[in-house]
Amino acid sequence: MKSIGEITNLVQIKKNTRNSYEYQAYGNRLCEELCDPTKRTLYIKLAKNEDRNLLEIARLHALSNEKNPTKGKIFMWKLSQLKKSIKEKK
């Protein structure tokens, strides 16, 4: 269970980013969860243009590798693999 201080810190992080649309909020959340703040605009663009189910699968795959510090790279790799598998099925 998280302490109240940890919860308020999470709320403050999310309040610091201005989101006009839902996809911006989702892209910012991806950026924070994957610890990749330099590519914030990339995640927002992916949230706007890509299928959300694919993004969720790739996010869960990247977050399951807790020891690997390059979660952003794993996320992008898994997303490209999922896109290739969908193209092959069609």
N, C-alpha and C. Protein backbone atom coordinates (compact mmCIF):
# COMPACT_ATOMS: atom_id res chain seq x y z
N MET A 1 0.84 -1.17 0.00
CA MET A 1 0.00 0.00 0.00
C MET A 1 0.89 1.24 0.00
N LYS A 2 0.50 2.23 -0.79
CA LYS A 2 1.30 3.45 -0.90
C LYS A 2 0.93 4.45 0.18
N SER A 3 1.92 5.23 0.58
CA SER A 3 1.65 6.26 1.57
C SER A 3 0.96 7.45 0.90
N ILE A 4 0.40 8.32 1.70
CA ILE A 4 -0.30 9.49 1.17
C ILE A 4 0.67 10.41 0.43
N GLY A 5 1.89 10.51 0.91
CA GLY A 5 2.90 11.33 0.25
C GLY A 5 3.22 10.86 -1.15
N GLU A 6 3.32 9.54 -1.32
CA GLU A 6 3.60 8.99 -2.64
C GLU A 6 2.44 9.25 -3.60
N ILE A 7 1.22 9.11 -3.11
CA ILE A 7 0.04 9.34 -3.95
C ILE A 7 -0.05 10.80 -4.37
N THR A 8 0.20 11.72 -3.45
CA THR A 8 0.13 13.14 -3.80
C THR A 8 1.24 13.52 -4.77
N ASN A 9 2.41 12.88 -4.67
CA ASN A 9 3.47 13.15 -5.64
C ASN A 9 3.05 12.70 -7.03
N LEU A 10 2.38 11.57 -7.14
CA LEU A 10 1.90 11.10 -8.43
C LEU A 10 0.86 12.05 -9.01
N VAL A 11 -0.01 12.55 -8.17
CA VAL A 11 -1.04 13.48 -8.62
C VAL A 11 -0.41 14.77 -9.10
N GLN A 12 0.61 15.26 -8.41
CA GLN A 12 1.28 16.49 -8.81
C GLN A 12 1.99 16.32 -10.13
N ILE A 13 2.58 15.18 -10.39
CA ILE A 13 3.25 14.94 -11.67
C ILE A 13 2.24 15.04 -12.81
N LYS A 14 1.10 14.44 -12.63
CA LYS A 14 0.10 14.45 -13.68
C LYS A 14 -0.52 15.83 -13.87
N LYS A 15 -0.56 16.65 -12.82
CA LYS A 15 -1.12 17.99 -12.95
C LYS A 15 -0.16 18.94 -13.67
N ASN A 16 1.14 18.65 -13.65
CA ASN A 16 2.11 19.54 -14.27
C ASN A 16 2.03 19.52 -15.79
N THR A 17 1.49 18.48 -16.38
CA THR A 17 1.36 18.43 -17.82
C THR A 17 -0.03 18.88 -18.22
N ARG A 18 -0.09 19.70 -19.26
CA ARG A 18 -1.38 20.20 -19.72
C ARG A 18 -1.90 19.29 -20.81
N ASN A 19 -3.08 18.77 -20.63
CA ASN A 19 -3.68 17.86 -21.58
C ASN A 19 -5.03 18.41 -22.02
N SER A 20 -5.15 18.68 -23.32
CA SER A 20 -6.43 19.12 -23.85
C SER A 20 -7.26 17.94 -24.31
N TYR A 21 -6.60 16.86 -24.69
CA TYR A 21 -7.27 15.69 -25.22
C TYR A 21 -6.86 14.44 -24.45
N GLU A 22 -7.66 13.40 -24.58
CA GLU A 22 -7.40 12.16 -23.86
C GLU A 22 -6.12 11.49 -24.33
N TYR A 23 -5.84 11.52 -25.63
CA TYR A 23 -4.63 10.88 -26.14
C TYR A 23 -3.37 11.54 -25.61
N GLN A 24 -3.43 12.83 -25.29
CA GLN A 24 -2.27 13.50 -24.70
C GLN A 24 -2.01 12.99 -23.29
N ALA A 25 -3.07 12.79 -22.55
CA ALA A 25 -2.93 12.25 -21.20
C ALA A 25 -2.37 10.84 -21.25
N TYR A 26 -2.84 10.04 -22.20
CA TYR A 26 -2.35 8.67 -22.33
C TYR A 26 -0.87 8.67 -22.75
N GLY A 27 -0.50 9.53 -23.68
CA GLY A 27 0.90 9.62 -24.11
C GLY A 27 1.81 10.07 -22.98
N ASN A 28 1.35 11.01 -22.17
CA ASN A 28 2.15 11.45 -21.02
C ASN A 28 2.29 10.35 -19.99
N ARG A 29 1.23 9.56 -19.80
CA ARG A 29 1.31 8.45 -18.86
C ARG A 29 2.30 7.39 -19.36
N LEU A 30 2.27 7.12 -20.66
CA LEU A 30 3.25 6.19 -21.24
C LEU A 30 4.67 6.68 -21.00
N CYS A 31 4.88 7.94 -21.24
CA CYS A 31 6.20 8.54 -21.07
C CYS A 31 6.69 8.38 -19.64
N GLU A 32 5.83 8.61 -18.67
CA GLU A 32 6.22 8.50 -17.27
C GLU A 32 6.45 7.05 -16.85
N GLU A 33 5.57 6.15 -17.31
CA GLU A 33 5.70 4.74 -16.91
C GLU A 33 6.93 4.09 -17.51
N LEU A 34 7.30 4.51 -18.73
CA LEU A 34 8.45 3.92 -19.40
C LEU A 34 9.75 4.65 -19.08
N CYS A 35 9.66 5.68 -18.23
CA CYS A 35 10.85 6.45 -17.80
C CYS A 35 11.63 6.98 -19.00
N ASP A 36 10.92 7.61 -19.92
CA ASP A 36 11.54 8.12 -21.15
C ASP A 36 11.02 9.53 -21.44
N PRO A 37 11.36 10.53 -20.60
CA PRO A 37 10.79 11.86 -20.76
C PRO A 37 11.26 12.62 -22.00
N THR A 38 12.35 12.21 -22.59
CA THR A 38 12.84 12.94 -23.76
C THR A 38 12.01 12.66 -25.01
N LYS A 39 11.23 11.59 -25.00
CA LYS A 39 10.44 11.23 -26.17
C LYS A 39 8.94 11.38 -25.91
N ARG A 40 8.59 12.38 -25.13
CA ARG A 40 7.19 12.62 -24.76
C ARG A 40 6.31 12.83 -26.00
N THR A 41 6.77 13.59 -26.96
CA THR A 41 5.95 13.86 -28.15
C THR A 41 5.74 12.61 -28.98
N LEU A 42 6.72 11.72 -29.01
CA LEU A 42 6.57 10.46 -29.73
C LEU A 42 5.44 9.63 -29.14
N TYR A 43 5.40 9.53 -27.82
CA TYR A 43 4.36 8.74 -27.17
C TYR A 43 2.98 9.36 -27.36
N ILE A 44 2.91 10.69 -27.38
CA ILE A 44 1.63 11.35 -27.63
C ILE A 44 1.17 11.08 -29.06
N LYS A 45 2.10 11.12 -30.00
CA LYS A 45 1.74 10.84 -31.39
C LYS A 45 1.29 9.39 -31.56
N LEU A 46 1.98 8.47 -30.90
CA LEU A 46 1.57 7.06 -30.97
C LEU A 46 0.18 6.88 -30.36
N ALA A 47 -0.09 7.56 -29.26
CA ALA A 47 -1.40 7.45 -28.61
C ALA A 47 -2.50 8.00 -29.50
N LYS A 48 -2.17 8.97 -30.32
CA LYS A 48 -3.17 9.55 -31.20
C LYS A 48 -3.42 8.68 -32.42
N ASN A 49 -2.37 8.09 -33.00
CA ASN A 49 -2.50 7.43 -34.30
C ASN A 49 -2.58 5.91 -34.26
N GLU A 50 -2.08 5.28 -33.22
CA GLU A 50 -2.01 3.82 -33.19
C GLU A 50 -3.18 3.22 -32.43
N ASP A 51 -3.39 1.93 -32.67
CA ASP A 51 -4.44 1.19 -31.97
C ASP A 51 -4.07 1.08 -30.50
N ARG A 52 -5.01 1.43 -29.64
CA ARG A 52 -4.75 1.46 -28.20
C ARG A 52 -4.48 0.07 -27.65
N ASN A 53 -5.10 -0.95 -28.23
CA ASN A 53 -4.85 -2.32 -27.76
C ASN A 53 -3.40 -2.72 -27.98
N LEU A 54 -2.85 -2.36 -29.13
CA LEU A 54 -1.44 -2.67 -29.40
C LEU A 54 -0.52 -1.93 -28.42
N LEU A 55 -0.85 -0.68 -28.16
CA LEU A 55 -0.03 0.10 -27.23
C LEU A 55 -0.08 -0.49 -25.82
N GLU A 56 -1.24 -0.96 -25.40
CA GLU A 56 -1.37 -1.55 -24.07
C GLU A 56 -0.58 -2.86 -23.96
N ILE A 57 -0.64 -3.69 -25.01
CA ILE A 57 0.12 -4.94 -24.99
C ILE A 57 1.61 -4.66 -24.91
N ALA A 58 2.08 -3.70 -25.72
CA ALA A 58 3.50 -3.35 -25.72
C ALA A 58 3.90 -2.73 -24.38
N ARG A 59 3.03 -1.92 -23.80
CA ARG A 59 3.33 -1.29 -22.50
C ARG A 59 3.47 -2.34 -21.41
N LEU A 60 2.54 -3.27 -21.38
CA LEU A 60 2.59 -4.32 -20.36
C LEU A 60 3.83 -5.19 -20.52
N HIS A 61 4.21 -5.45 -21.78
CA HIS A 61 5.42 -6.24 -22.03
C HIS A 61 6.66 -5.50 -21.54
N ALA A 62 6.72 -4.20 -21.81
CA ALA A 62 7.88 -3.41 -21.40
C ALA A 62 7.96 -3.29 -19.88
N LEU A 63 6.82 -3.14 -19.23
CA LEU A 63 6.81 -2.98 -17.77
C LEU A 63 7.06 -4.29 -17.04
N SER A 64 6.85 -5.41 -17.72
CA SER A 64 7.09 -6.70 -17.07
C SER A 64 8.58 -6.97 -16.91
N ASN A 65 9.42 -6.31 -17.70
CA ASN A 65 10.87 -6.44 -17.58
C ASN A 65 11.38 -5.37 -16.63
N GLU A 66 11.26 -5.61 -15.33
CA GLU A 66 11.61 -4.60 -14.34
C GLU A 66 13.11 -4.33 -14.26
N LYS A 67 13.92 -5.33 -14.54
CA LYS A 67 15.37 -5.15 -14.39
C LYS A 67 15.98 -4.37 -15.55
N ASN A 68 15.33 -4.34 -16.69
CA ASN A 68 15.86 -3.68 -17.86
C ASN A 68 15.59 -2.18 -17.78
N PRO A 69 16.63 -1.34 -17.83
CA PRO A 69 16.41 0.10 -17.71
C PRO A 69 15.90 0.76 -18.99
N THR A 70 15.96 0.08 -20.12
CA THR A 70 15.54 0.67 -21.38
C THR A 70 14.13 0.20 -21.75
N LYS A 71 13.16 0.60 -20.94
CA LYS A 71 11.79 0.18 -21.16
C LYS A 71 11.21 0.78 -22.44
N GLY A 72 11.66 1.98 -22.79
CA GLY A 72 11.19 2.62 -24.02
C GLY A 72 11.57 1.83 -25.26
N LYS A 73 12.78 1.32 -25.28
CA LYS A 73 13.24 0.53 -26.43
C LYS A 73 12.46 -0.78 -26.53
N ILE A 74 12.22 -1.41 -25.40
CA ILE A 74 11.46 -2.66 -25.40
C ILE A 74 10.03 -2.39 -25.86
N PHE A 75 9.46 -1.28 -25.44
CA PHE A 75 8.11 -0.90 -25.86
C PHE A 75 8.05 -0.74 -27.38
N MET A 76 8.99 0.00 -27.95
CA MET A 76 8.99 0.23 -29.39
C MET A 76 9.23 -1.07 -30.16
N TRP A 77 10.11 -1.92 -29.66
CA TRP A 77 10.38 -3.20 -30.31
C TRP A 77 9.12 -4.06 -30.34
N LYS A 78 8.45 -4.16 -29.19
CA LYS A 78 7.25 -4.99 -29.11
C LYS A 78 6.14 -4.42 -29.98
N LEU A 79 6.01 -3.12 -30.04
CA LEU A 79 5.00 -2.49 -30.89
C LEU A 79 5.25 -2.80 -32.36
N SER A 80 6.51 -2.74 -32.77
CA SER A 80 6.82 -3.07 -34.18
C SER A 80 6.55 -4.54 -34.46
N GLN A 81 6.85 -5.42 -33.51
CA GLN A 81 6.56 -6.84 -33.69
C GLN A 81 5.06 -7.09 -33.82
N LEU A 82 4.27 -6.42 -33.02
CA LEU A 82 2.81 -6.58 -33.11
C LEU A 82 2.27 -6.07 -34.43
N LYS A 83 2.80 -4.96 -34.91
CA LYS A 83 2.36 -4.43 -36.21
C LYS A 83 2.71 -5.38 -37.35
N LYS A 84 3.91 -5.97 -37.29
CA LYS A 84 4.32 -6.94 -38.32
C LYS A 84 3.42 -8.17 -38.32
N SER A 85 3.06 -8.64 -37.14
CA SER A 85 2.23 -9.84 -37.06
C SER A 85 0.82 -9.55 -37.60
N ILE A 86 0.32 -8.34 -37.40
CA ILE A 86 -0.99 -8.00 -37.93
C ILE A 86 -0.94 -7.90 -39.45
N LYS A 87 0.15 -7.33 -40.00
CA LYS A 87 0.29 -7.25 -41.46
C LYS A 87 0.36 -8.63 -42.09
N GLU A 88 1.07 -9.54 -41.43
CA GLU A 88 1.20 -10.90 -41.95
C GLU A 88 -0.13 -11.63 -41.96
N LYS A 89 -0.98 -11.37 -40.98
CA LYS A 89 -2.28 -12.02 -40.91
C LYS A 89 -3.20 -11.55 -42.02
N LYS A 90 -3.05 -10.30 -42.42
CA LYS A 90 -3.89 -9.76 -43.49
C LYS A 90 -3.39 -10.25 -44.81
